[in-house]
Amino acid sequence: MQKWLVVFLLFISLQAVAQEKKEIKSEDYENYSVEMADDMRQSGKIYVLVGIIGIVMGGILVYLVGTDKKLSRLEKEFKS
């Protein structure tokens, strides 16, 4: 029963469409400006965004290094 449910859900998910396909035109390749980024850069908010991203990535890195140290310590205790 559980296998049939998984197969059914898989079949349903394959039929799902996230968005419509749009035709790509030559103008799409010539558009190099990103309005949101340009506005944020002009008002100075882009630096706040980059700082927040840096803080989040730094926090993730510190968490991973701390977890690795704890795991290494536990592996040493387990071996001895």
C-alpha atoms as a PDB file:
ATOM      1  CA  MET A   1       0.000   0.000   0.000  1.00  0.00           C
ATOM      2  CA  GLN A   2       2.768   2.408   0.911  1.00  0.00           C
ATOM      3  CA  LYS A   3       4.602   1.708  -2.351  1.00  0.00           C
ATOM      4  CA  TRP A   4       1.501   2.548  -4.368  1.00  0.00           C
ATOM      5  CA  LEU A   5       1.108   5.797  -2.487  1.00  0.00           C
ATOM      6  CA  VAL A   6       4.709   6.756  -3.235  1.00  0.00           C
ATOM      7  CA  VAL A   7       4.292   5.871  -6.921  1.00  0.00           C
ATOM      8  CA  PHE A   8       1.046   7.846  -7.086  1.00  0.00           C
ATOM      9  CA  LEU A   9       2.597  10.926  -5.450  1.00  0.00           C
ATOM     10  CA  LEU A  10       5.616  10.673  -7.744  1.00  0.00           C
ATOM     11  CA  PHE A  11       3.357  10.517 -10.789  1.00  0.00           C
ATOM     12  CA  ILE A  12       1.395  13.545  -9.576  1.00  0.00           C
ATOM     13  CA  SER A  13       4.584  15.529  -8.925  1.00  0.00           C
ATOM     14  CA  LEU A  14       5.876  14.821 -12.421  1.00  0.00           C
ATOM     15  CA  GLN A  15       2.749  16.393 -13.866  1.00  0.00           C
ATOM     16  CA  ALA A  16       3.075  19.597 -11.837  1.00  0.00           C
ATOM     17  CA  VAL A  17       4.262  22.680 -13.690  1.00  0.00           C
ATOM     18  CA  ALA A  18       5.903  25.478 -11.747  1.00  0.00           C
ATOM     19  CA  GLN A  19       5.363  28.172 -14.347  1.00  0.00           C
ATOM     20  CA  GLU A  20       4.524  28.706 -17.963  1.00  0.00           C
ATOM     21  CA  LYS A  21       7.252  28.520 -20.540  1.00  0.00           C
ATOM     22  CA  LYS A  22       7.918  31.870 -22.157  1.00  0.00           C
ATOM     23  CA  GLU A  23       9.483  32.428 -25.506  1.00  0.00           C
ATOM     24  CA  ILE A  24      12.995  33.861 -25.302  1.00  0.00           C
ATOM     25  CA  LYS A  25      13.477  36.856 -27.543  1.00  0.00           C
ATOM     26  CA  SER A  26      16.617  38.605 -28.706  1.00  0.00           C
ATOM     27  CA  GLU A  27      15.805  41.593 -26.447  1.00  0.00           C
ATOM     28  CA  ASP A  28      16.154  39.318 -23.420  1.00  0.00           C
ATOM     29  CA  TYR A  29      19.824  38.765 -24.201  1.00  0.00           C
ATOM     30  CA  GLU A  30      20.479  42.488 -24.614  1.00  0.00           C
ATOM     31  CA  ASN A  31      19.040  43.470 -21.209  1.00  0.00           C
ATOM     32  CA  TYR A  32      22.025  43.868 -18.886  1.00  0.00           C
ATOM     33  CA  SER A  33      20.474  46.147 -16.275  1.00  0.00           C
ATOM     34  CA  VAL A  34      18.944  44.912 -13.055  1.00  0.00           C
ATOM     35  CA  GLU A  35      16.690  47.674 -11.804  1.00  0.00           C
ATOM     36  CA  MET A  36      16.450  46.472  -8.208  1.00  0.00           C
ATOM     37  CA  ALA A  37      20.230  46.195  -7.810  1.00  0.00           C
ATOM     38  CA  ASP A  38      20.762  49.572  -9.445  1.00  0.00           C
ATOM     39  CA  ASP A  39      18.266  51.233  -7.083  1.00  0.00           C
ATOM     40  CA  MET A  40      19.814  49.564  -4.042  1.00  0.00           C
ATOM     41  CA  ARG A  41      23.302  50.574  -5.146  1.00  0.00           C
ATOM     42  CA  GLN A  42      22.256  54.204  -5.637  1.00  0.00           C
ATOM     43  CA  SER A  43      20.657  54.437  -2.200  1.00  0.00           C
ATOM     44  CA  GLY A  44      23.538  52.605  -0.481  1.00  0.00           C
ATOM     45  CA  LYS A  45      21.375  49.709   0.710  1.00  0.00           C
ATOM     46  CA  ILE A  46      23.354  47.179  -1.305  1.00  0.00           C
ATOM     47  CA  TYR A  47      26.139  47.374   1.282  1.00  0.00           C
ATOM     48  CA  VAL A  48      23.690  46.526   4.057  1.00  0.00           C
ATOM     49  CA  LEU A  49      22.513  43.522   2.046  1.00  0.00           C
ATOM     50  CA  VAL A  50      26.068  42.340   1.396  1.00  0.00           C
ATOM     51  CA  GLY A  51      26.888  42.793   5.095  1.00  0.00           C
ATOM     52  CA  ILE A  52      23.883  40.749   6.206  1.00  0.00           C
ATOM     53  CA  ILE A  53      24.729  37.977   3.753  1.00  0.00           C
ATOM     54  CA  GLY A  54      28.312  37.999   5.055  1.00  0.00           C
ATOM     55  CA  ILE A  55      27.155  37.765   8.664  1.00  0.00           C
ATOM     56  CA  VAL A  56      24.811  34.857   7.885  1.00  0.00           C
ATOM     57  CA  MET A  57      27.495  32.978   5.943  1.00  0.00           C
ATOM     58  CA  GLY A  58      30.012  33.635   8.727  1.00  0.00           C
ATOM     59  CA  GLY A  59      27.553  32.286  11.297  1.00  0.00           C
ATOM     60  CA  ILE A  60      27.020  29.143   9.247  1.00  0.00           C
ATOM     61  CA  LEU A  61      30.785  28.690   8.933  1.00  0.00           C
ATOM     62  CA  VAL A  62      31.320  29.097  12.689  1.00  0.00           C
ATOM     63  CA  TYR A  63      28.523  26.610  13.376  1.00  0.00           C
ATOM     64  CA  LEU A  64      30.012  24.046  10.968  1.00  0.00           C
ATOM     65  CA  VAL A  65      33.519  24.396  12.404  1.00  0.00           C
ATOM     66  CA  GLY A  66      32.180  24.038  15.951  1.00  0.00           C
ATOM     67  CA  THR A  67      30.154  20.976  14.997  1.00  0.00           C
ATOM     68  CA  ASP A  68      33.181  19.440  13.308  1.00  0.00           C
ATOM     69  CA  LYS A  69      35.295  19.952  16.438  1.00  0.00           C
ATOM     70  CA  LYS A  70      32.630  18.382  18.649  1.00  0.00           C
ATOM     71  CA  LEU A  71      32.267  15.462  16.271  1.00  0.00           C
ATOM     72  CA  SER A  72      36.038  14.911  16.144  1.00  0.00           C
ATOM     73  CA  ARG A  73      36.171  14.928  19.954  1.00  0.00           C
ATOM     74  CA  LEU A  74      33.354  12.381  20.150  1.00  0.00           C
ATOM     75  CA  GLU A  75      35.049  10.148  17.574  1.00  0.00           C
ATOM     76  CA  LYS A  76      38.260  10.179  19.620  1.00  0.00           C
ATOM     77  CA  GLU A  77      36.345   9.276  22.787  1.00  0.00           C
ATOM     78  CA  PHE A  78      34.533   6.487  20.968  1.00  0.00           C
ATOM     79  CA  LYS A  79      37.776   4.966  19.630  1.00  0.00           C
ATOM     80  CA  SER A  80      39.460   4.924  23.052  1.00  0.00           C
END
